[in-house]
Protein backbone atom coordinates (compact mmCIF):
# COMPACT_ATOMS: atom_id res chain seq x y z
CA UNK A 1 -92.06 -69.40 -44.67
CA UNK A 2 -91.02 -69.97 -41.04
CA UNK A 3 -90.86 -66.60 -39.23
CA UNK A 4 -87.24 -67.00 -38.17
CA UNK A 5 -86.19 -68.23 -41.59
CA UNK A 6 -86.80 -64.76 -42.95
CA UNK A 7 -83.83 -63.62 -40.86
CA UNK A 8 -81.76 -66.78 -41.09
CA UNK A 9 -78.91 -66.67 -43.61
CA UNK A 10 -76.84 -69.73 -44.42
CA UNK A 11 -75.61 -71.32 -41.18
CA UNK A 12 -71.99 -70.65 -42.09
CA UNK A 13 -72.60 -66.92 -42.22
CA UNK A 14 -74.69 -65.22 -39.52
CA UNK A 15 -77.30 -66.46 -37.03
CA UNK A 16 -80.73 -64.86 -36.96
CA UNK A 17 -80.22 -62.98 -33.69
CA UNK A 18 -77.34 -61.00 -35.23
CA UNK A 19 -79.54 -59.87 -38.09
CA UNK A 20 -82.30 -58.99 -35.63
CA UNK A 21 -79.77 -56.94 -33.62
CA UNK A 22 -78.98 -55.06 -36.82
CA UNK A 23 -82.69 -54.49 -37.51
CA UNK A 24 -83.25 -53.16 -33.97
CA UNK A 25 -80.53 -50.57 -34.55
CA UNK A 26 -82.18 -49.61 -37.82
CA UNK A 27 -85.55 -49.35 -36.07
CA UNK A 28 -84.10 -47.03 -33.40
CA UNK A 29 -82.87 -44.76 -36.19
CA UNK A 30 -86.15 -44.96 -38.14
CA UNK A 31 -88.20 -44.08 -35.05
CA UNK A 32 -85.72 -41.29 -34.22
CA UNK A 33 -85.41 -42.57 -30.66
CA UNK A 34 -82.97 -40.65 -28.46
CA UNK A 35 -80.96 -41.79 -25.41
CA UNK A 36 -83.32 -42.62 -22.57
CA UNK A 37 -86.33 -43.14 -24.87
CA UNK A 38 -88.41 -46.25 -24.31
CA UNK A 39 -88.29 -48.84 -27.06
CA UNK A 40 -90.95 -51.30 -28.24
CA UNK A 41 -91.27 -54.37 -26.02
CA UNK A 42 -89.66 -57.70 -26.90
CA UNK A 43 -93.08 -58.97 -28.03
CA UNK A 44 -93.61 -55.91 -30.20
CA UNK A 45 -90.14 -56.24 -31.70
CA UNK A 46 -90.74 -59.91 -32.44
CA UNK A 47 -94.02 -59.01 -34.18
CA UNK A 48 -92.44 -56.23 -36.23
CA UNK A 49 -89.58 -58.45 -37.37
CA UNK A 50 -91.46 -61.68 -37.91
CA UNK A 51 -89.34 -63.66 -35.52
CA UNK A 52 -89.61 -65.20 -32.06
CA UNK A 53 -89.24 -63.46 -28.73
CA UNK A 54 -86.32 -65.78 -27.97
CA UNK A 55 -84.37 -64.47 -30.97
CA UNK A 56 -85.21 -60.88 -30.01
CA UNK A 57 -84.02 -61.53 -26.46
CA UNK A 58 -80.65 -62.82 -27.74
CA UNK A 59 -80.34 -59.77 -30.00
CA UNK A 60 -81.07 -57.47 -27.05
CA UNK A 61 -78.34 -59.21 -25.03
CA UNK A 62 -75.82 -58.36 -27.77
CA UNK A 63 -76.95 -54.75 -27.96
CA UNK A 64 -76.92 -54.41 -24.17
CA UNK A 65 -73.35 -55.73 -24.02
CA UNK A 66 -72.37 -53.23 -26.70
CA UNK A 67 -73.93 -50.32 -24.82
CA UNK A 68 -76.66 -49.55 -27.36
CA UNK A 69 -79.70 -50.73 -25.37
CA UNK A 70 -80.60 -50.87 -21.68
CA UNK A 71 -82.99 -53.51 -20.36
CA UNK A 72 -84.68 -52.49 -17.08
CA UNK A 73 -86.42 -55.34 -15.30
CA UNK A 74 -90.13 -54.68 -15.06
CA UNK A 75 -89.84 -51.45 -17.05
CA UNK A 76 -88.86 -52.54 -20.55
CA UNK A 77 -86.18 -51.62 -23.07
CA UNK A 78 -84.58 -48.21 -23.47
CA UNK A 79 -82.08 -46.61 -25.81
CA UNK A 80 -78.83 -46.41 -23.85
CA UNK A 81 -78.02 -43.10 -22.21
CA UNK A 82 -75.11 -41.01 -23.44
CA UNK A 83 -72.09 -41.79 -21.28
CA UNK A 84 -69.29 -40.37 -23.43
CA UNK A 85 -67.76 -36.92 -23.02
CA UNK A 86 -68.09 -36.37 -26.78
CA UNK A 87 -71.74 -37.34 -27.01
CA UNK A 88 -71.17 -40.97 -27.94
CA UNK A 89 -74.88 -41.68 -28.20
CA UNK A 90 -75.09 -39.37 -31.20
CA UNK A 91 -72.40 -41.39 -32.93
CA UNK A 92 -74.07 -44.64 -31.90
CA UNK A 93 -77.43 -43.45 -33.20
CA UNK A 94 -75.90 -42.72 -36.58
CA UNK A 95 -73.59 -45.73 -36.92
CA UNK A 96 -74.91 -48.89 -38.57
CA UNK A 97 -72.44 -51.72 -37.88
CA UNK A 98 -73.20 -53.56 -41.14
CA UNK A 99 -73.21 -50.51 -43.43
CA UNK A 100 -69.91 -50.72 -45.32
CA UNK A 101 -69.86 -46.97 -45.97
CA UNK A 102 -70.15 -46.37 -42.23
CA UNK A 103 -67.38 -48.87 -41.51
CA UNK A 104 -65.05 -47.17 -44.00
CA UNK A 105 -65.87 -43.73 -42.57
CA UNK A 106 -65.15 -45.06 -39.09
CA UNK A 107 -61.73 -46.25 -40.20
CA UNK A 108 -61.01 -42.86 -41.77
CA UNK A 109 -61.88 -41.31 -38.43
CA UNK A 110 -59.72 -43.81 -36.55
CA UNK A 111 -56.78 -43.00 -38.83
CA UNK A 112 -57.02 -39.29 -37.95
CA UNK A 113 -57.34 -40.01 -34.22
CA UNK A 114 -54.66 -42.61 -33.86
CA UNK A 115 -52.00 -40.93 -35.96
CA UNK A 116 -52.51 -37.78 -33.88
CA UNK A 117 -52.44 -39.74 -30.62
CA UNK A 118 -49.24 -41.56 -31.58
CA UNK A 119 -47.58 -38.34 -32.73
CA UNK A 120 -48.35 -36.61 -29.42
CA UNK A 121 -47.42 -39.67 -27.36
CA UNK A 122 -43.95 -39.68 -28.94
CA UNK A 123 -43.16 -36.35 -27.25
CA UNK A 124 -45.41 -36.48 -24.19
CA UNK A 125 -45.37 -40.04 -22.86
CA UNK A 126 -44.02 -40.47 -19.34
CA UNK A 127 -41.90 -43.54 -18.43
CA UNK A 128 -44.96 -45.08 -16.75
CA UNK A 129 -47.09 -44.48 -19.85
CA UNK A 130 -44.41 -45.99 -22.09
CA UNK A 131 -44.41 -49.04 -19.85
CA UNK A 132 -48.21 -49.31 -20.09
CA UNK A 133 -48.00 -49.26 -23.89
CA UNK A 134 -45.28 -51.91 -23.86
CA UNK A 135 -47.19 -54.17 -21.45
CA UNK A 136 -50.35 -53.91 -23.55
CA UNK A 137 -48.44 -54.79 -26.73
CA UNK A 138 -46.97 -57.82 -24.98
CA UNK A 139 -50.40 -58.91 -23.72
CA UNK A 140 -51.75 -58.72 -27.26
CA UNK A 141 -48.79 -60.77 -28.50
CA UNK A 142 -49.38 -63.43 -25.84
CA UNK A 143 -53.02 -63.65 -26.86
CA UNK A 144 -51.99 -64.28 -30.46
CA UNK A 145 -49.25 -66.79 -29.65
CA UNK A 146 -51.48 -68.79 -27.29
CA UNK A 147 -54.57 -68.54 -29.47
CA UNK A 148 -56.57 -66.72 -26.79
CA UNK A 149 -58.73 -64.30 -28.74
CA UNK A 150 -60.11 -62.60 -25.62
CA UNK A 151 -56.58 -61.93 -24.36
CA UNK A 152 -55.55 -60.56 -27.76
CA UNK A 153 -58.58 -58.26 -27.83
CA UNK A 154 -57.93 -57.01 -24.31
CA UNK A 155 -54.31 -56.27 -25.13
CA UNK A 156 -55.36 -54.55 -28.35
CA UNK A 157 -57.81 -52.28 -26.53
CA UNK A 158 -55.28 -51.54 -23.78
CA UNK A 159 -52.61 -50.72 -26.35
CA UNK A 160 -54.61 -48.15 -28.28
CA UNK A 161 -56.08 -46.57 -25.16
CA UNK A 162 -52.62 -46.40 -23.52
CA UNK A 163 -51.30 -44.48 -26.53
CA UNK A 164 -54.27 -42.13 -26.37
CA UNK A 165 -53.65 -41.59 -22.65
CA UNK A 166 -49.99 -40.85 -23.39
CA UNK A 167 -51.08 -38.10 -25.80
CA UNK A 168 -52.25 -36.17 -22.72
CA UNK A 169 -55.35 -35.08 -24.64
CA UNK A 170 -58.61 -36.18 -23.03
CA UNK A 171 -60.59 -35.50 -26.20
CA UNK A 172 -58.38 -37.96 -28.08
CA UNK A 173 -58.81 -40.51 -25.29
CA UNK A 174 -62.61 -40.24 -25.50
CA UNK A 175 -62.60 -40.33 -29.31
CA UNK A 176 -60.32 -43.37 -29.52
CA UNK A 177 -62.39 -45.22 -26.92
CA UNK A 178 -65.66 -44.49 -28.71
CA UNK A 179 -64.37 -45.36 -32.19
CA UNK A 180 -63.08 -48.68 -30.91
CA UNK A 181 -66.46 -49.38 -29.29
CA UNK A 182 -68.19 -48.81 -32.61
CA UNK A 183 -65.65 -50.96 -34.45
CA UNK A 184 -66.31 -53.75 -31.96
CA UNK A 185 -70.02 -53.50 -32.77
CA UNK A 186 -69.25 -53.87 -36.45
CA UNK A 187 -67.12 -56.90 -35.71
CA UNK A 188 -69.69 -58.62 -33.47
CA UNK A 189 -72.88 -57.77 -35.34
CA UNK A 190 -71.61 -57.55 -38.90
CA UNK A 191 -68.80 -60.10 -38.95
CA UNK A 192 -69.87 -62.57 -36.26
CA UNK A 193 -66.95 -61.78 -33.95
CA UNK A 194 -64.07 -62.73 -36.21
CA UNK A 195 -62.02 -60.63 -38.55
CA UNK A 196 -59.53 -62.23 -40.91
CA UNK A 197 -55.92 -63.19 -40.23
CA UNK A 198 -54.37 -59.86 -39.32
CA UNK A 199 -53.38 -60.81 -35.76
CA UNK A 200 -49.74 -61.71 -36.50
CA UNK A 201 -49.20 -58.55 -38.53
CA UNK A 202 -50.98 -56.49 -35.85
CA UNK A 203 -48.50 -57.69 -33.25
CA UNK A 204 -45.61 -56.51 -35.44
CA UNK A 205 -47.35 -53.22 -36.18
CA UNK A 206 -47.89 -52.62 -32.46
CA UNK A 207 -44.19 -53.18 -31.88
CA UNK A 208 -43.29 -50.64 -34.57
CA UNK A 209 -45.63 -48.04 -33.08
CA UNK A 210 -44.25 -48.62 -29.59
CA UNK A 211 -40.62 -48.32 -30.74
CA UNK A 212 -41.31 -45.04 -32.53
CA UNK A 213 -43.06 -43.60 -29.47
CA UNK A 214 -40.30 -44.83 -27.17
CA UNK A 215 -37.69 -43.22 -29.44
CA UNK A 216 -39.57 -39.92 -29.49
CA UNK A 217 -39.94 -40.02 -33.28
CA UNK A 218 -43.22 -38.20 -34.00
CA UNK A 219 -43.26 -38.82 -37.76
CA UNK A 220 -42.40 -42.50 -37.45
CA UNK A 221 -45.04 -42.99 -34.74
CA UNK A 222 -47.74 -41.34 -36.84
CA UNK A 223 -46.71 -43.30 -39.94
CA UNK A 224 -46.69 -46.61 -38.07
CA UNK A 225 -50.13 -45.89 -36.61
CA UNK A 226 -51.46 -45.07 -40.09
CA UNK A 227 -50.07 -48.32 -41.50
CA UNK A 228 -51.72 -50.27 -38.68
CA UNK A 229 -55.17 -48.73 -39.20
CA UNK A 230 -54.93 -49.10 -42.99
CA UNK A 231 -53.98 -52.77 -42.75
CA UNK A 232 -56.76 -53.45 -40.26
CA UNK A 233 -59.23 -51.91 -42.70
CA UNK A 234 -57.82 -54.06 -45.48
CA UNK A 235 -58.42 -57.10 -43.28
CA UNK A 236 -62.05 -56.02 -42.88
CA UNK A 237 -62.35 -55.70 -46.67
CA UNK A 238 -60.95 -59.18 -47.22
CA UNK A 239 -63.23 -60.69 -44.60
CA UNK A 240 -66.30 -58.98 -46.04
CA UNK A 241 -65.38 -60.16 -49.54
CA UNK A 242 -64.87 -63.72 -48.26
CA UNK A 243 -68.25 -63.76 -46.53
CA UNK A 244 -70.10 -62.24 -49.48
CA UNK A 245 -68.43 -64.12 -52.33
CA UNK A 246 -67.11 -67.22 -50.54
């Protein structure tokens, strides 16, 4: 069998470099590598995984963009250093983007974070912070209406981080940022960068969260945030089922 074919699923599903990126994460965990530790070379990784150096290089590019691996010219590959105030590398070392149990646990964690952040924001947000939340929600909406996925994603990130900032709790800000980073890894590595058809509903859910925060209604803000996270998880479930069962 061709070396790359061993990692190549049907073309409509996932390219080989995504599966290799997943295997590199598994290898880091198996070898118990810590932040700053040197990794096997691209040639060594290609040999271990029965694929080409070109595929490994593309996988490393993904992992570098996601903050899991650092490539130092002339020195090799390293596990990314911990840059988060809550020890994000420990979370990253544990989290497997294609492990469904991990994805579901991550969403449970997000639900706790984001309901708390929205609840606090409803009583603590300054006028400037309210405006930042509103602008981010509008940016996300524009991305959806115009079909610009990158704009939607940027608005989505800005929206959730603006709410966390309005909670005036730096631990919540760090936790929300890190959980969203891990979710993005799951999306890119596990679901090839696309998740279902939740965008239109997400825009409406953002609006409901913003209104509750603006009105100072703690319970409504927390409830709206919970609905949003739950429906996003349901979208992940549907997308996973579609990819697995067609």
